[in-house]
Amino acid sequence: MQPDTDSKIETVARKNLARVLESDIAADDLDLDVDMVGVYGLTSLNKVLFLMSACDDAGVSLASFTEPDVAEMTTLRDVTKALTRHAGEVA
């Protein structure tokens, strides 16, 4: 993936995580490397909503990910890397 695409996907992931969090943290202030559940209080339902909207905005099929894949996405960086791996694939 191109650096420009990586940056766009990170922006998409940040925006969508900020949208589902029950706090007033700005997308740019989200730390890529902290546990989203432990630090930001991301619930299971909100994680699903976050991933669905991030996938939609990034043009990635949610079906690209297995349940274990989703379970391993504990940080925003994990999500960004996963989305980047599948960006540009035909759904």
PDB file of N, CA and C in Angstrom:
ATOM      1  N   MET A   1       0.839  -1.184   0.000  1.00  0.00           N
ATOM      2  CA  MET A   1       0.000   0.000   0.000  1.00  0.00           C
ATOM      3  C   MET A   1       0.886   1.251   0.000  1.00  0.00           C
ATOM      4  N   GLN A   2       0.409   2.275  -0.611  1.00  0.00           N
ATOM      5  CA  GLN A   2       1.123   3.536  -0.688  1.00  0.00           C
ATOM      6  C   GLN A   2       0.996   4.292   0.635  1.00  0.00           C
ATOM      7  N   PRO A   3       2.025   5.091   0.993  1.00  0.00           N
ATOM      8  CA  PRO A   3       1.938   5.879   2.233  1.00  0.00           C
ATOM      9  C   PRO A   3       0.697   6.755   2.287  1.00  0.00           C
ATOM     10  N   ASP A   4       0.271   7.304   1.140  1.00  0.00           N
ATOM     11  CA  ASP A   4      -0.917   8.149   1.105  1.00  0.00           C
ATOM     12  C   ASP A   4      -2.158   7.350   1.513  1.00  0.00           C
ATOM     13  N   THR A   5      -2.251   6.112   1.036  1.00  0.00           N
ATOM     14  CA  THR A   5      -3.375   5.241   1.392  1.00  0.00           C
ATOM     15  C   THR A   5      -3.323   4.907   2.867  1.00  0.00           C
ATOM     16  N   ASP A   6      -2.133   4.615   3.378  1.00  0.00           N
ATOM     17  CA  ASP A   6      -1.971   4.319   4.804  1.00  0.00           C
ATOM     18  C   ASP A   6      -2.482   5.479   5.650  1.00  0.00           C
ATOM     19  N   SER A   7      -2.126   6.689   5.264  1.00  0.00           N
ATOM     20  CA  SER A   7      -2.541   7.881   5.991  1.00  0.00           C
ATOM     21  C   SER A   7      -4.061   8.056   5.946  1.00  0.00           C
ATOM     22  N   LYS A   8      -4.657   7.813   4.779  1.00  0.00           N
ATOM     23  CA  LYS A   8      -6.106   7.940   4.649  1.00  0.00           C
ATOM     24  C   LYS A   8      -6.821   6.910   5.514  1.00  0.00           C
ATOM     25  N   ILE A   9      -6.306   5.688   5.531  1.00  0.00           N
ATOM     26  CA  ILE A   9      -6.935   4.639   6.334  1.00  0.00           C
ATOM     27  C   ILE A   9      -6.790   4.958   7.822  1.00  0.00           C
ATOM     28  N   GLU A  10      -5.641   5.468   8.231  1.00  0.00           N
ATOM     29  CA  GLU A  10      -5.482   5.860   9.635  1.00  0.00           C
ATOM     30  C   GLU A  10      -6.484   6.949   9.995  1.00  0.00           C
ATOM     31  N   THR A  11      -6.667   7.921   9.122  1.00  0.00           N
ATOM     32  CA  THR A  11      -7.630   8.998   9.367  1.00  0.00           C
ATOM     33  C   THR A  11      -9.042   8.438   9.487  1.00  0.00           C
ATOM     34  N   VAL A  12      -9.399   7.517   8.597  1.00  0.00           N
ATOM     35  CA  VAL A  12     -10.721   6.871   8.636  1.00  0.00           C
ATOM     36  C   VAL A  12     -10.904   6.133   9.964  1.00  0.00           C
ATOM     37  N   ALA A  13      -9.896   5.369  10.364  1.00  0.00           N
ATOM     38  CA  ALA A  13      -9.987   4.601  11.608  1.00  0.00           C
ATOM     39  C   ALA A  13     -10.122   5.531  12.814  1.00  0.00           C
ATOM     40  N   ARG A  14      -9.324   6.578  12.863  1.00  0.00           N
ATOM     41  CA  ARG A  14      -9.385   7.535  13.979  1.00  0.00           C
ATOM     42  C   ARG A  14     -10.779   8.172  14.060  1.00  0.00           C
ATOM     43  N   LYS A  15     -11.278   8.630  12.922  1.00  0.00           N
ATOM     44  CA  LYS A  15     -12.580   9.307  12.874  1.00  0.00           C
ATOM     45  C   LYS A  15     -13.692   8.381  13.369  1.00  0.00           C
ATOM     46  N   ASN A  16     -13.674   7.143  12.908  1.00  0.00           N
ATOM     47  CA  ASN A  16     -14.728   6.208  13.282  1.00  0.00           C
ATOM     48  C   ASN A  16     -14.623   5.768  14.739  1.00  0.00           C
ATOM     49  N   LEU A  17     -13.417   5.617  15.262  1.00  0.00           N
ATOM     50  CA  LEU A  17     -13.285   5.278  16.676  1.00  0.00           C
ATOM     51  C   LEU A  17     -13.771   6.433  17.541  1.00  0.00           C
ATOM     52  N   ALA A  18     -13.357   7.642  17.200  1.00  0.00           N
ATOM     53  CA  ALA A  18     -13.797   8.814  17.976  1.00  0.00           C
ATOM     54  C   ALA A  18     -15.320   8.926  17.978  1.00  0.00           C
ATOM     55  N   ARG A  19     -15.948   8.570  16.872  1.00  0.00           N
ATOM     56  CA  ARG A  19     -17.402   8.667  16.751  1.00  0.00           C
ATOM     57  C   ARG A  19     -18.128   7.721  17.720  1.00  0.00           C
ATOM     58  N   VAL A  20     -17.592   6.509  17.932  1.00  0.00           N
ATOM     59  CA  VAL A  20     -18.303   5.532  18.769  1.00  0.00           C
ATOM     60  C   VAL A  20     -17.942   5.615  20.249  1.00  0.00           C
ATOM     61  N   LEU A  21     -16.849   6.287  20.573  1.00  0.00           N
ATOM     62  CA  LEU A  21     -16.452   6.380  21.983  1.00  0.00           C
ATOM     63  C   LEU A  21     -17.409   7.279  22.754  1.00  0.00           C
ATOM     64  N   GLU A  22     -17.608   6.918  23.990  1.00  0.00           N
ATOM     65  CA  GLU A  22     -18.497   7.716  24.840  1.00  0.00           C
ATOM     66  C   GLU A  22     -17.690   8.751  25.613  1.00  0.00           C
ATOM     67  N   SER A  23     -16.798   9.433  24.911  1.00  0.00           N
ATOM     68  CA  SER A  23     -16.001  10.499  25.504  1.00  0.00           C
ATOM     69  C   SER A  23     -15.838  11.590  24.466  1.00  0.00           C
ATOM     70  N   ASP A  24     -15.257  12.687  24.874  1.00  0.00           N
ATOM     71  CA  ASP A  24     -15.090  13.817  23.967  1.00  0.00           C
ATOM     72  C   ASP A  24     -13.687  13.885  23.372  1.00  0.00           C
ATOM     73  N   ILE A  25     -13.001  12.756  23.302  1.00  0.00           N
ATOM     74  CA  ILE A  25     -11.645  12.758  22.765  1.00  0.00           C
ATOM     75  C   ILE A  25     -11.689  12.979  21.250  1.00  0.00           C
ATOM     76  N   ALA A  26     -10.826  13.855  20.781  1.00  0.00           N
ATOM     77  CA  ALA A  26     -10.761  14.171  19.357  1.00  0.00           C
ATOM     78  C   ALA A  26     -10.025  13.059  18.613  1.00  0.00           C
ATOM     79  N   ALA A  27     -10.393  12.842  17.372  1.00  0.00           N
ATOM     80  CA  ALA A  27      -9.787  11.783  16.566  1.00  0.00           C
ATOM     81  C   ALA A  27      -8.263  11.910  16.517  1.00  0.00           C
ATOM     82  N   ASP A  28      -7.771  13.132  16.381  1.00  0.00           N
ATOM     83  CA  ASP A  28      -6.317  13.345  16.312  1.00  0.00           C
ATOM     84  C   ASP A  28      -5.607  13.073  17.631  1.00  0.00           C
ATOM     85  N   ASP A  29      -6.358  13.051  18.730  1.00  0.00           N
ATOM     86  CA  ASP A  29      -5.758  12.815  20.041  1.00  0.00           C
ATOM     87  C   ASP A  29      -5.733  11.350  20.437  1.00  0.00           C
ATOM     88  N   LEU A  30      -6.320  10.485  19.619  1.00  0.00           N
ATOM     89  CA  LEU A  30      -6.330   9.057  19.928  1.00  0.00           C
ATOM     90  C   LEU A  30      -4.929   8.480  19.752  1.00  0.00           C
ATOM     91  N   ASP A  31      -4.514   7.684  20.711  1.00  0.00           N
ATOM     92  CA  ASP A  31      -3.195   7.043  20.682  1.00  0.00           C
ATOM     93  C   ASP A  31      -3.315   5.742  19.898  1.00  0.00           C
ATOM     94  N   LEU A  32      -2.472   5.556  18.900  1.00  0.00           N
ATOM     95  CA  LEU A  32      -2.527   4.361  18.064  1.00  0.00           C
ATOM     96  C   LEU A  32      -2.158   3.082  18.800  1.00  0.00           C
ATOM     97  N   ASP A  33      -1.451   3.208  19.907  1.00  0.00           N
ATOM     98  CA  ASP A  33      -0.857   2.028  20.537  1.00  0.00           C
ATOM     99  C   ASP A  33      -1.426   1.642  21.892  1.00  0.00           C
ATOM    100  N   VAL A  34      -2.537   2.219  22.292  1.00  0.00           N
ATOM    101  CA  VAL A  34      -3.121   1.828  23.574  1.00  0.00           C
ATOM    102  C   VAL A  34      -4.280   0.870  23.363  1.00  0.00           C
ATOM    103  N   ASP A  35      -4.564   0.089  24.368  1.00  0.00           N
ATOM    104  CA  ASP A  35      -5.676  -0.859  24.328  1.00  0.00           C
ATOM    105  C   ASP A  35      -6.979  -0.072  24.272  1.00  0.00           C
ATOM    106  N   MET A  36      -7.755  -0.292  23.210  1.00  0.00           N
ATOM    107  CA  MET A  36      -8.981   0.484  23.017  1.00  0.00           C
ATOM    108  C   MET A  36     -10.013   0.194  24.098  1.00  0.00           C
ATOM    109  N   VAL A  37     -10.039  -1.020  24.610  1.00  0.00           N
ATOM    110  CA  VAL A  37     -10.991  -1.379  25.662  1.00  0.00           C
ATOM    111  C   VAL A  37     -10.531  -0.806  26.995  1.00  0.00           C
ATOM    112  N   GLY A  38      -9.279  -1.061  27.355  1.00  0.00           N
ATOM    113  CA  GLY A  38      -8.761  -0.649  28.654  1.00  0.00           C
ATOM    114  C   GLY A  38      -8.644   0.847  28.831  1.00  0.00           C
ATOM    115  N   VAL A  39      -8.211   1.549  27.795  1.00  0.00           N
ATOM    116  CA  VAL A  39      -7.972   2.983  27.910  1.00  0.00           C
ATOM    117  C   VAL A  39      -9.194   3.808  27.500  1.00  0.00           C
ATOM    118  N   TYR A  40      -9.816   3.434  26.402  1.00  0.00           N
ATOM    119  CA  TYR A  40     -10.933   4.227  25.890  1.00  0.00           C
ATOM    120  C   TYR A  40     -12.303   3.672  26.262  1.00  0.00           C
ATOM    121  N   GLY A  41     -12.337   2.497  26.894  1.00  0.00           N
ATOM    122  CA  GLY A  41     -13.611   1.924  27.318  1.00  0.00           C
ATOM    123  C   GLY A  41     -14.471   1.422  26.172  1.00  0.00           C
ATOM    124  N   LEU A  42     -13.842   1.015  25.069  1.00  0.00           N
ATOM    125  CA  LEU A  42     -14.583   0.519  23.912  1.00  0.00           C
ATOM    126  C   LEU A  42     -15.311  -0.769  24.285  1.00  0.00           C
ATOM    127  N   THR A  43     -16.613  -0.785  24.113  1.00  0.00           N
ATOM    128  CA  THR A  43     -17.413  -1.979  24.409  1.00  0.00           C
ATOM    129  C   THR A  43     -17.414  -2.900  23.188  1.00  0.00           C
ATOM    130  N   SER A  44     -17.844  -4.126  23.375  1.00  0.00           N
ATOM    131  CA  SER A  44     -17.920  -5.082  22.265  1.00  0.00           C
ATOM    132  C   SER A  44     -18.838  -4.566  21.161  1.00  0.00           C
ATOM    133  N   LEU A  45     -19.991  -4.048  21.556  1.00  0.00           N
ATOM    134  CA  LEU A  45     -20.933  -3.513  20.564  1.00  0.00           C
ATOM    135  C   LEU A  45     -20.310  -2.344  19.816  1.00  0.00           C
ATOM    136  N   ASN A  46     -19.677  -1.434  20.548  1.00  0.00           N
ATOM    137  CA  ASN A  46     -19.063  -0.277  19.896  1.00  0.00           C
ATOM    138  C   ASN A  46     -17.897  -0.681  18.999  1.00  0.00           C
ATOM    139  N   LYS A  47     -17.201  -1.769  19.362  1.00  0.00           N
ATOM    140  CA  LYS A  47     -16.112  -2.245  18.509  1.00  0.00           C
ATOM    141  C   LYS A  47     -16.674  -2.720  17.179  1.00  0.00           C
ATOM    142  N   VAL A  48     -17.783  -3.429  17.224  1.00  0.00           N
ATOM    143  CA  VAL A  48     -18.414  -3.895  15.991  1.00  0.00           C
ATOM    144  C   VAL A  48     -18.881  -2.700  15.155  1.00  0.00           C
ATOM    145  N   LEU A  49     -19.540  -1.740  15.799  1.00  0.00           N
ATOM    146  CA  LEU A  49     -19.995  -0.541  15.078  1.00  0.00           C
ATOM    147  C   LEU A  49     -18.814   0.218  14.476  1.00  0.00           C
ATOM    148  N   PHE A  50     -17.751   0.345  15.249  1.00  0.00           N
ATOM    149  CA  PHE A  50     -16.529   1.015  14.798  1.00  0.00           C
ATOM    150  C   PHE A  50     -15.951   0.305  13.579  1.00  0.00           C
ATOM    151  N   LEU A  51     -15.808  -1.021  13.669  1.00  0.00           N
ATOM    152  CA  LEU A  51     -15.215  -1.763  12.563  1.00  0.00           C
ATOM    153  C   LEU A  51     -16.097  -1.733  11.317  1.00  0.00           C
ATOM    154  N   MET A  52     -17.405  -1.826  11.512  1.00  0.00           N
ATOM    155  CA  MET A  52     -18.316  -1.762  10.367  1.00  0.00           C
ATOM    156  C   MET A  52     -18.185  -0.428   9.634  1.00  0.00           C
ATOM    157  N   SER A  53     -18.203   0.657  10.382  1.00  0.00           N
ATOM    158  CA  SER A  53     -18.131   1.973   9.743  1.00  0.00           C
ATOM    159  C   SER A  53     -16.741   2.235   9.162  1.00  0.00           C
ATOM    160  N   ALA A  54     -15.689   1.791   9.853  1.00  0.00           N
ATOM    161  CA  ALA A  54     -14.330   1.978   9.334  1.00  0.00           C
ATOM    162  C   ALA A  54     -14.143   1.184   8.043  1.00  0.00           C
ATOM    163  N   CYS A  55     -14.657  -0.037   8.016  1.00  0.00           N
ATOM    164  CA  CYS A  55     -14.564  -0.849   6.800  1.00  0.00           C
ATOM    165  C   CYS A  55     -15.322  -0.183   5.652  1.00  0.00           C
ATOM    166  N   ASP A  56     -16.528   0.285   5.929  1.00  0.00           N
ATOM    167  CA  ASP A  56     -17.318   0.971   4.901  1.00  0.00           C
ATOM    168  C   ASP A  56     -16.559   2.168   4.340  1.00  0.00           C
ATOM    169  N   ASP A  57     -16.024   2.998   5.221  1.00  0.00           N
ATOM    170  CA  ASP A  57     -15.333   4.210   4.791  1.00  0.00           C
ATOM    171  C   ASP A  57     -14.016   3.911   4.076  1.00  0.00           C
ATOM    172  N   ALA A  58     -13.366   2.797   4.441  1.00  0.00           N
ATOM    173  CA  ALA A  58     -12.085   2.430   3.826  1.00  0.00           C
ATOM    174  C   ALA A  58     -12.272   1.575   2.580  1.00  0.00           C
ATOM    175  N   GLY A  59     -13.523   1.171   2.310  1.00  0.00           N
ATOM    176  CA  GLY A  59     -13.776   0.336   1.150  1.00  0.00           C
ATOM    177  C   GLY A  59     -13.274  -1.090   1.328  1.00  0.00           C
ATOM    178  N   VAL A  60     -13.308  -1.568   2.559  1.00  0.00           N
ATOM    179  CA  VAL A  60     -12.845  -2.918   2.886  1.00  0.00           C
ATOM    180  C   VAL A  60     -14.050  -3.727   3.335  1.00  0.00           C
ATOM    181  N   SER A  61     -14.161  -4.944   2.844  1.00  0.00           N
ATOM    182  CA  SER A  61     -15.267  -5.809   3.251  1.00  0.00           C
ATOM    183  C   SER A  61     -15.024  -6.324   4.667  1.00  0.00           C
ATOM    184  N   LEU A  62     -16.015  -6.170   5.524  1.00  0.00           N
ATOM    185  CA  LEU A  62     -15.908  -6.702   6.882  1.00  0.00           C
ATOM    186  C   LEU A  62     -15.718  -8.213   6.843  1.00  0.00           C
ATOM    187  N   ALA A  63     -16.212  -8.855   5.789  1.00  0.00           N
ATOM    188  CA  ALA A  63     -16.073 -10.304   5.626  1.00  0.00           C
ATOM    189  C   ALA A  63     -14.613 -10.723   5.444  1.00  0.00           C
ATOM    190  N   SER A  64     -13.718  -9.758   5.233  1.00  0.00           N
ATOM    191  CA  SER A  64     -12.291 -10.063   5.111  1.00  0.00           C
ATOM    192  C   SER A  64     -11.700 -10.543   6.426  1.00  0.00           C
ATOM    193  N   PHE A  65     -12.415 -10.287   7.517  1.00  0.00           N
ATOM    194  CA  PHE A  65     -11.876 -10.570   8.846  1.00  0.00           C
ATOM    195  C   PHE A  65     -12.641 -11.698   9.521  1.00  0.00           C
ATOM    196  N   THR A  66     -11.881 -12.598  10.128  1.00  0.00           N
ATOM    197  CA  THR A  66     -12.477 -13.671  10.916  1.00  0.00           C
ATOM    198  C   THR A  66     -12.686 -13.175  12.340  1.00  0.00           C
ATOM    199  N   GLU A  67     -13.409 -13.944  13.122  1.00  0.00           N
ATOM    200  CA  GLU A  67     -13.605 -13.584  14.526  1.00  0.00           C
ATOM    201  C   GLU A  67     -12.263 -13.460  15.257  1.00  0.00           C
ATOM    202  N   PRO A  68     -11.315 -14.400  15.061  1.00  0.00           N
ATOM    203  CA  PRO A  68     -10.000 -14.230  15.695  1.00  0.00           C
ATOM    204  C   PRO A  68      -9.266 -12.972  15.222  1.00  0.00           C
ATOM    205  N   ASP A  69      -9.411 -12.611  13.931  1.00  0.00           N
ATOM    206  CA  ASP A  69      -8.799 -11.373  13.434  1.00  0.00           C
ATOM    207  C   ASP A  69      -9.312 -10.180  14.225  1.00  0.00           C
ATOM    208  N   VAL A  70     -10.625 -10.133  14.400  1.00  0.00           N
ATOM    209  CA  VAL A  70     -11.252  -9.016  15.112  1.00  0.00           C
ATOM    210  C   VAL A  70     -10.805  -9.010  16.572  1.00  0.00           C
ATOM    211  N   ALA A  71     -10.725 -10.170  17.187  1.00  0.00           N
ATOM    212  CA  ALA A  71     -10.299 -10.263  18.588  1.00  0.00           C
ATOM    213  C   ALA A  71      -8.872  -9.750  18.775  1.00  0.00           C
ATOM    214  N   GLU A  72      -8.039  -9.949  17.767  1.00  0.00           N
ATOM    215  CA  GLU A  72      -6.648  -9.503  17.852  1.00  0.00           C
ATOM    216  C   GLU A  72      -6.483  -8.000  17.631  1.00  0.00           C
ATOM    217  N   MET A  73      -7.520  -7.338  17.169  1.00  0.00           N
ATOM    218  CA  MET A  73      -7.455  -5.889  16.950  1.00  0.00           C
ATOM    219  C   MET A  73      -7.719  -5.187  18.278  1.00  0.00           C
ATOM    220  N   THR A  74      -6.671  -5.022  19.054  1.00  0.00           N
ATOM    221  CA  THR A  74      -6.832  -4.420  20.375  1.00  0.00           C
ATOM    222  C   THR A  74      -6.433  -2.946  20.402  1.00  0.00           C
ATOM    223  N   THR A  75      -5.633  -2.519  19.425  1.00  0.00           N
ATOM    224  CA  THR A  75      -5.222  -1.112  19.363  1.00  0.00           C
ATOM    225  C   THR A  75      -5.684  -0.504  18.036  1.00  0.00           C
ATOM    226  N   LEU A  76      -5.695   0.786  17.994  1.00  0.00           N
ATOM    227  CA  LEU A  76      -6.040   1.478  16.755  1.00  0.00           C
ATOM    228  C   LEU A  76      -5.024   1.154  15.657  1.00  0.00           C
ATOM    229  N   ARG A  77      -3.773   0.960  16.033  1.00  0.00           N
ATOM    230  CA  ARG A  77      -2.753   0.584  15.050  1.00  0.00           C
ATOM    231  C   ARG A  77      -3.067  -0.795  14.453  1.00  0.00           C
ATOM    232  N   ASP A  78      -3.532  -1.738  15.302  1.00  0.00           N
ATOM    233  CA  ASP A  78      -3.920  -3.064  14.795  1.00  0.00           C
ATOM    234  C   ASP A  78      -5.016  -2.936  13.741  1.00  0.00           C
ATOM    235  N   VAL A  79      -5.999  -2.105  14.014  1.00  0.00           N
ATOM    236  CA  VAL A  79      -7.113  -1.916  13.086  1.00  0.00           C
ATOM    237  C   VAL A  79      -6.613  -1.273  11.796  1.00  0.00           C
ATOM    238  N   THR A  80      -5.791  -0.261  11.923  1.00  0.00           N
ATOM    239  CA  THR A  80      -5.255   0.435  10.753  1.00  0.00           C
ATOM    240  C   THR A  80      -4.459  -0.517   9.872  1.00  0.00           C
ATOM    241  N   LYS A  81      -3.609  -1.346  10.487  1.00  0.00           N
ATOM    242  CA  LYS A  81      -2.817  -2.310   9.714  1.00  0.00           C
ATOM    243  C   LYS A  81      -3.721  -3.319   9.013  1.00  0.00           C
ATOM    244  N   ALA A  82      -4.740  -3.800   9.716  1.00  0.00           N
ATOM    245  CA  ALA A  82      -5.650  -4.782   9.134  1.00  0.00           C
ATOM    246  C   ALA A  82      -6.410  -4.191   7.954  1.00  0.00           C
ATOM    247  N   LEU A  83      -6.903  -2.975   8.105  1.00  0.00           N
ATOM    248  CA  LEU A  83      -7.615  -2.313   7.013  1.00  0.00           C
ATOM    249  C   LEU A  83      -6.695  -2.073   5.833  1.00  0.00           C
ATOM    250  N   THR A  84      -5.464  -1.678   6.097  1.00  0.00           N
ATOM    251  CA  THR A  84      -4.493  -1.398   5.044  1.00  0.00           C
ATOM    252  C   THR A  84      -4.189  -2.664   4.251  1.00  0.00           C
ATOM    253  N   ARG A  85      -4.070  -3.798   4.947  1.00  0.00           N
ATOM    254  CA  ARG A  85      -3.798  -5.075   4.263  1.00  0.00           C
ATOM    255  C   ARG A  85      -4.873  -5.420   3.241  1.00  0.00           C
ATOM    256  N   HIS A  86      -6.111  -5.046   3.529  1.00  0.00           N
ATOM    257  CA  HIS A  86      -7.224  -5.434   2.665  1.00  0.00           C
ATOM    258  C   HIS A  86      -7.732  -4.313   1.760  1.00  0.00           C
ATOM    259  N   ALA A  87      -7.160  -3.129   1.877  1.00  0.00           N
ATOM    260  CA  ALA A  87      -7.585  -2.002   1.044  1.00  0.00           C
ATOM    261  C   ALA A  87      -7.305  -2.321  -0.415  1.00  0.00           C
ATOM    262  N   GLY A  88      -8.252  -2.018  -1.257  1.00  0.00           N
ATOM    263  CA  GLY A  88      -8.088  -2.238  -2.679  1.00  0.00           C
ATOM    264  C   GLY A  88      -8.496  -3.614  -3.164  1.00  0.00           C
ATOM    265  N   GLU A  89      -8.837  -4.517  -2.230  1.00  0.00           N
ATOM    266  CA  GLU A  89      -9.311  -5.839  -2.633  1.00  0.00           C
ATOM    267  C   GLU A  89     -10.751  -5.716  -3.110  1.00  0.00           C
ATOM    268  N   VAL A  90     -11.119  -6.539  -4.024  1.00  0.00           N
ATOM    269  CA  VAL A  90     -12.494  -6.564  -4.485  1.00  0.00           C
ATOM    270  C   VAL A  90     -13.298  -7.378  -3.506  1.00  0.00           C
ATOM    271  N   ALA A  91     -14.391  -6.800  -3.025  1.00  0.00           N
ATOM    272  CA  ALA A  91     -15.220  -7.465  -2.020  1.00  0.00           C
ATOM    273  C   ALA A  91     -15.981  -8.622  -2.619  1.00  0.00           C
TER     274      ALA A  91
END
